[in-house]
C-alpha atoms as a PDB file:
ATOM      1  CA  MET A   1       0.021   0.053  -0.002  1.00  0.00           C
ATOM      2  CA  THR A   2       1.380   3.387  -0.938  1.00  0.00           C
ATOM      3  CA  ASN A   3       1.498   6.229   1.339  1.00  0.00           C
ATOM      4  CA  ARG A   4      -0.779   8.905  -0.053  1.00  0.00           C
ATOM      5  CA  THR A   5      -1.346  12.592   1.001  1.00  0.00           C
ATOM      6  CA  PRO A   6      -4.879  12.864   2.582  1.00  0.00           C
ATOM      7  CA  PRO A   7      -7.158  14.501   0.045  1.00  0.00           C
ATOM      8  CA  MET A   8      -8.079  17.394   2.173  1.00  0.00           C
ATOM      9  CA  GLN A   9      -4.382  18.379   2.553  1.00  0.00           C
ATOM     10  CA  ASP A  10      -3.437  17.921  -1.072  1.00  0.00           C
ATOM     11  CA  ALA A  11      -2.521  21.502  -2.210  1.00  0.00           C
ATOM     12  CA  VAL A  12      -2.698  20.668  -5.989  1.00  0.00           C
ATOM     13  CA  LEU A  13      -6.216  19.266  -5.615  1.00  0.00           C
ATOM     14  CA  ILE A  14      -7.357  22.186  -3.549  1.00  0.00           C
ATOM     15  CA  GLU A  15      -6.035  24.701  -6.002  1.00  0.00           C
ATOM     16  CA  ALA A  16      -7.853  22.897  -8.855  1.00  0.00           C
ATOM     17  CA  MET A  17     -11.103  22.882  -6.913  1.00  0.00           C
ATOM     18  CA  ASN A  18     -10.715  26.608  -6.237  1.00  0.00           C
ATOM     19  CA  ARG A  19     -10.506  27.216  -9.994  1.00  0.00           C
ATOM     20  CA  ALA A  20     -13.670  25.303 -10.652  1.00  0.00           C
ATOM     21  CA  THR A  21     -17.075  27.104 -11.217  1.00  0.00           C
ATOM     22  CA  SER A  22     -19.725  26.540  -8.692  1.00  0.00           C
ATOM     23  CA  LEU A  23     -21.695  24.487 -11.290  1.00  0.00           C
ATOM     24  CA  GLU A  24     -18.688  22.243 -11.893  1.00  0.00           C
ATOM     25  CA  LEU A  25     -18.304  21.789  -8.051  1.00  0.00           C
ATOM     26  CA  TYR A  26     -22.010  20.911  -7.784  1.00  0.00           C
ATOM     27  CA  GLN A  27     -21.838  18.438 -10.714  1.00  0.00           C
ATOM     28  CA  LEU A  28     -18.687  16.807  -9.106  1.00  0.00           C
ATOM     29  CA  SER A  29     -20.521  16.757  -5.739  1.00  0.00           C
ATOM     30  CA  ALA A  30     -23.561  14.909  -7.364  1.00  0.00           C
ATOM     31  CA  LEU A  31     -21.169  12.382  -9.014  1.00  0.00           C
ATOM     32  CA  LEU A  32     -19.332  11.684  -5.776  1.00  0.00           C
ATOM     33  CA  ASP A  33     -22.595  11.233  -3.799  1.00  0.00           C
ATOM     34  CA  ARG A  34     -23.730   8.683  -6.487  1.00  0.00           C
ATOM     35  CA  LEU A  35     -20.382   6.914  -6.299  1.00  0.00           C
ATOM     36  CA  MET A  36     -20.340   6.801  -2.507  1.00  0.00           C
ATOM     37  CA  THR A  37     -23.851   5.500  -2.262  1.00  0.00           C
ATOM     38  CA  ASP A  38     -23.371   2.768  -4.854  1.00  0.00           C
ATOM     39  CA  PRO A  39     -24.708  -0.430  -3.341  1.00  0.00           C
ATOM     40  CA  ARG A  40     -21.800  -2.441  -4.745  1.00  0.00           C
ATOM     41  CA  ARG A  41     -19.444  -0.143  -2.955  1.00  0.00           C
ATOM     42  CA  ILE A  42     -21.357  -0.328   0.238  1.00  0.00           C
ATOM     43  CA  VAL A  43     -21.394  -4.152   0.065  1.00  0.00           C
ATOM     44  CA  ALA A  44     -17.682  -4.367  -0.616  1.00  0.00           C
ATOM     45  CA  ILE A  45     -16.963  -2.311   2.583  1.00  0.00           C
ATOM     46  CA  ARG A  46     -19.542  -4.066   4.677  1.00  0.00           C
ATOM     47  CA  LYS A  47     -18.295  -7.534   3.936  1.00  0.00           C
ATOM     48  CA  ASP A  48     -15.226  -6.909   6.260  1.00  0.00           C
ATOM     49  CA  LEU A  49     -17.047  -5.180   9.019  1.00  0.00           C
ATOM     50  CA  HIS A  50     -19.057  -6.383  12.078  1.00  0.00           C
ATOM     51  CA  LEU A  51     -20.616  -4.787  15.162  1.00  0.00           C
ATOM     52  CA  GLY A  52     -18.192  -4.190  17.811  1.00  0.00           C
ATOM     53  CA  GLN A  53     -15.202  -3.973  15.477  1.00  0.00           C
ATOM     54  CA  VAL A  54     -12.814  -1.075  15.955  1.00  0.00           C
ATOM     55  CA  VAL A  55     -12.185   0.859  12.639  1.00  0.00           C
ATOM     56  CA  ARG A  56     -10.561   4.088  11.517  1.00  0.00           C
ATOM     57  CA  PHE A  57     -12.802   6.638   9.954  1.00  0.00           C
ATOM     58  CA  TYR A  58     -12.537  10.175   8.475  1.00  0.00           C
ATOM     59  CA  ASP A  59     -13.802  13.006  10.753  1.00  0.00           C
ATOM     60  CA  ALA A  60     -14.690  15.773   8.291  1.00  0.00           C
ATOM     61  CA  ARG A  61     -15.109  18.482  11.027  1.00  0.00           C
ATOM     62  CA  ARG A  62     -11.506  17.976  12.191  1.00  0.00           C
ATOM     63  CA  ASP A  63     -10.042  16.784   8.873  1.00  0.00           C
ATOM     64  CA  THR A  64      -8.389  13.871  10.591  1.00  0.00           C
ATOM     65  CA  MET A  65      -8.644  10.139  10.958  1.00  0.00           C
ATOM     66  CA  ARG A  66     -10.135   8.803  14.184  1.00  0.00           C
ATOM     67  CA  SER A  67     -10.623   5.368  15.691  1.00  0.00           C
ATOM     68  CA  GLY A  68     -14.122   4.124  16.788  1.00  0.00           C
ATOM     69  CA  ARG A  69     -16.150   1.000  17.599  1.00  0.00           C
ATOM     70  CA  ILE A  70     -19.017   0.079  15.231  1.00  0.00           C
ATOM     71  CA  THR A  71     -22.282   0.116  17.340  1.00  0.00           C
ATOM     72  CA  GLU A  72     -24.911   0.072  14.449  1.00  0.00           C
ATOM     73  CA  MET A  73     -24.976  -0.953  10.866  1.00  0.00           C
ATOM     74  CA  ARG A  74     -27.748   0.246   8.496  1.00  0.00           C
ATOM     75  CA  ASP A  75     -28.299   0.027   4.715  1.00  0.00           C
ATOM     76  CA  ALA A  76     -26.446   3.290   3.725  1.00  0.00           C
ATOM     77  CA  HIS A  77     -24.686   4.327   6.929  1.00  0.00           C
ATOM     78  CA  LEU A  78     -23.267   3.090  10.209  1.00  0.00           C
ATOM     79  CA  THR A  79     -22.831   4.490  13.642  1.00  0.00           C
ATOM     80  CA  VAL A  80     -19.370   4.590  15.165  1.00  0.00           C
ATOM     81  CA  THR A  81     -18.637   5.418  18.801  1.00  0.00           C
ATOM     82  CA  SER A  82     -15.176   7.007  19.328  1.00  0.00           C
ATOM     83  CA  THR A  83     -12.571   5.205  21.382  1.00  0.00           C
ATOM     84  CA  GLU A  84     -10.856   8.506  21.867  1.00  0.00           C
ATOM     85  CA  VAL A  85     -13.563  10.847  23.149  1.00  0.00           C
ATOM     86  CA  SER A  86     -17.101  10.449  24.331  1.00  0.00           C
ATOM     87  CA  ALA A  87     -18.849  10.889  20.993  1.00  0.00           C
ATOM     88  CA  ALA A  88     -20.765   8.929  18.277  1.00  0.00           C
ATOM     89  CA  TRP A  89     -20.779   9.578  14.586  1.00  0.00           C
ATOM     90  CA  LYS A  90     -23.392   8.574  11.996  1.00  0.00           C
ATOM     91  CA  LEU A  91     -21.251   8.018   8.844  1.00  0.00           C
ATOM     92  CA  PRO A  92     -21.630   6.776   5.229  1.00  0.00           C
ATOM     93  CA  TYR A  93     -19.670   3.645   4.646  1.00  0.00           C
ATOM     94  CA  ALA A  94     -17.253   5.600   2.394  1.00  0.00           C
ATOM     95  CA  ALA A  95     -15.853   7.338   5.510  1.00  0.00           C
ATOM     96  CA  ILE A  96     -14.522   4.121   6.924  1.00  0.00           C
ATOM     97  CA  GLU A  97     -10.996   3.058   6.160  1.00  0.00           C
ATOM     98  CA  PRO A  98     -11.231  -0.448   4.838  1.00  0.00           C
ATOM     99  CA  PRO A  99      -9.574  -2.964   7.274  1.00  0.00           C
ATOM    100  CA  LEU A 100      -6.362  -4.646   5.931  1.00  0.00           C
ATOM    101  CA  HIS A 101      -7.250  -7.790   4.123  1.00  0.00           C
ATOM    102  CA  GLY A 102      -7.330 -10.557   6.716  1.00  0.00           C
ATOM    103  CA  ALA A 103      -7.238  -7.957   9.687  1.00  0.00           C
ATOM    104  CA  ALA A 104     -10.945  -8.599  10.468  1.00  0.00           C
ATOM    105  CA  ALA A 105     -10.235 -12.296  11.047  1.00  0.00           C
ATOM    106  CA  ALA A 106      -7.077 -11.601  13.043  1.00  0.00           C
ATOM    107  CA  GLU A 107      -8.807  -9.128  15.459  1.00  0.00           C
ATOM    108  CA  PRO A 108     -10.431 -10.922  18.308  1.00  0.00           C
ATOM    109  CA  ALA A 109     -14.145 -10.597  17.726  1.00  0.00           C
ATOM    110  CA  ALA A 110     -15.731  -8.635  20.525  1.00  0.00           C
ATOM    111  CA  ALA A 111     -19.047 -10.046  21.616  1.00  0.00           C
ATOM    112  CA  PRO A 112     -21.775  -7.896  20.254  1.00  0.00           C
ATOM    113  CA  PRO A 113     -23.935  -6.148  22.910  1.00  0.00           C
ATOM    114  CA  PRO A 114     -26.827  -8.348  23.987  1.00  0.00           C
ATOM    115  CA  ALA A 115     -30.027  -7.718  22.132  1.00  0.00           C
ATOM    116  CA  PRO A 116     -32.553  -5.843  24.308  1.00  0.00           C
ATOM    117  CA  VAL A 117     -35.304  -8.021  25.690  1.00  0.00           C
ATOM    118  CA  ARG A 118     -38.383  -7.672  23.482  1.00  0.00           C
ATOM    119  CA  PRO A 119     -41.663  -7.267  25.477  1.00  0.00           C
ATOM    120  CA  THR A 120     -44.100 -10.236  25.235  1.00  0.00           C
ATOM    121  CA  ARG A 121     -47.864 -10.639  25.888  1.00  0.00           C
ATOM    122  CA  ALA A 122     -47.111 -11.252  29.600  1.00  0.00           C
ATOM    123  CA  ASP A 123     -45.720  -7.775  29.969  1.00  0.00           C
ATOM    124  CA  PHE A 124     -48.963  -6.091  29.092  1.00  0.00           C
ATOM    125  CA  SER A 125     -52.619  -6.271  30.243  1.00  0.00           C
ATOM    126  CA  ARG A 126     -55.895  -4.751  29.195  1.00  0.00           C
ATOM    127  CA  GLY A 127     -56.342  -1.097  30.166  1.00  0.00           C
ATOM    128  CA  GLU A 128     -52.669  -0.242  30.265  1.00  0.00           C
ATOM    129  CA  LYS A 129     -51.445   2.993  28.626  1.00  0.00           C
ATOM    130  CA  VAL A 130     -48.868   2.263  25.984  1.00  0.00           C
ATOM    131  CA  SER A 131     -47.056   4.008  23.036  1.00  0.00           C
ATOM    132  CA  PHE A 132     -45.898   2.797  19.834  1.00  0.00           C
ATOM    133  CA  THR A 133     -44.459   4.050  16.496  1.00  0.00           C
ATOM    134  CA  ASP A 134     -46.298   3.363  13.248  1.00  0.00           C
ATOM    135  CA  ARG A 135     -44.706   2.628   9.963  1.00  0.00           C
ATOM    136  CA  HIS A 136     -44.689   6.416   9.106  1.00  0.00           C
ATOM    137  CA  LEU A 137     -42.537   7.072  12.258  1.00  0.00           C
ATOM    138  CA  GLN A 138     -45.455   8.673  13.999  1.00  0.00           C
ATOM    139  CA  THR A 139     -45.714   7.972  17.715  1.00  0.00           C
ATOM    140  CA  HIS A 140     -49.122   7.162  19.101  1.00  0.00           C
ATOM    141  CA  VAL A 141     -50.282   6.934  22.837  1.00  0.00           C
ATOM    142  CA  GLY A 142     -53.193   4.797  23.635  1.00  0.00           C
ATOM    143  CA  ILE A 143     -54.916   2.195  25.879  1.00  0.00           C
ATOM    144  CA  ILE A 144     -54.750  -1.559  25.267  1.00  0.00           C
ATOM    145  CA  SER A 145     -58.379  -2.657  24.646  1.00  0.00           C
ATOM    146  CA  ARG A 146     -57.742  -6.379  23.915  1.00  0.00           C
ATOM    147  CA  CYS A 147     -54.735  -8.781  24.294  1.00  0.00           C
ATOM    148  CA  ASN A 148     -54.531 -11.124  21.328  1.00  0.00           C
ATOM    149  CA  PRO A 149     -51.994 -13.967  21.025  1.00  0.00           C
ATOM    150  CA  LYS A 150     -49.573 -11.931  18.902  1.00  0.00           C
ATOM    151  CA  THR A 151     -50.699  -8.447  18.961  1.00  0.00           C
ATOM    152  CA  ALA A 152     -52.591  -5.938  21.238  1.00  0.00           C
ATOM    153  CA  SER A 153     -55.470  -3.952  20.136  1.00  0.00           C
ATOM    154  CA  VAL A 154     -54.706  -0.378  21.152  1.00  0.00           C
ATOM    155  CA  ASP A 155     -57.220   2.465  20.991  1.00  0.00           C
ATOM    156  CA  ALA A 156     -55.101   5.512  20.009  1.00  0.00           C
ATOM    157  CA  SER A 157     -55.593   8.773  18.031  1.00  0.00           C
ATOM    158  CA  GLY A 158     -59.204   8.030  17.474  1.00  0.00           C
ATOM    159  CA  ALA A 159     -58.617   4.605  15.902  1.00  0.00           C
ATOM    160  CA  SER A 160     -57.951   1.021  16.798  1.00  0.00           C
ATOM    161  CA  TRP A 161     -54.522  -0.387  16.021  1.00  0.00           C
ATOM    162  CA  SER A 162     -53.218  -3.986  16.093  1.00  0.00           C
ATOM    163  CA  VAL A 163     -49.717  -3.660  17.455  1.00  0.00           C
ATOM    164  CA  PRO A 164     -47.151  -6.497  18.052  1.00  0.00           C
ATOM    165  CA  TYR A 165     -46.091  -6.610  21.584  1.00  0.00           C
ATOM    166  CA  GLY A 166     -42.422  -6.105  20.679  1.00  0.00           C
ATOM    167  CA  ALA A 167     -43.394  -2.653  19.389  1.00  0.00           C
ATOM    168  CA  LEU A 168     -45.167  -1.476  22.501  1.00  0.00           C
ATOM    169  CA  ARG A 169     -43.627   0.624  25.238  1.00  0.00           C
ATOM    170  CA  HIS A 170     -45.189   1.322  28.671  1.00  0.00           C
ATOM    171  CA  VAL A 171     -46.216   4.836  29.359  1.00  0.00           C
ATOM    172  CA  LEU A 172     -46.128   6.177  32.932  1.00  0.00           C
ATOM    173  CA  ASP A 173     -48.463   8.988  33.786  1.00  0.00           C
ATOM    174  CA  ILE A 174     -46.932  11.561  36.185  1.00  0.00           C
ATOM    175  CA  ASP A 175     -49.653  13.773  37.356  1.00  0.00           C
END
């Protein structure tokens, strides 16, 4: 692997960008965005990553590389918690320095954090006040009117909802 100058410190590249028109910069930005969010590129990066893994990533605010532990992986981005400071970053996969080939296997796999316990039917009863988030990410608060085997019937927002127990959260009234 060759030792390259980080892009944000490359004087020739910065000078070329300064000579470009705003439209050219916008077109370049759109092209770079398409390239960075290309699913093939994301899959190529994700194949060597796992939850709990320590990786190096680019911190654009400080124009530096940092180390952090992967705490969440989504389709187009991941969350990294810094090992240096108390902070977390939501980053595109393109911001991650790919691990050296075989380094993922050599690094001892840290046990991923235990999955949170999902509520079951036994955790809820008729008449309890609960909240849930619908598929449009709207939060609703209501009262359980019926406990079915897999879902609870919840009267909320003037409608009756059939909600899986795992999606319900208890609501405490503090009056």
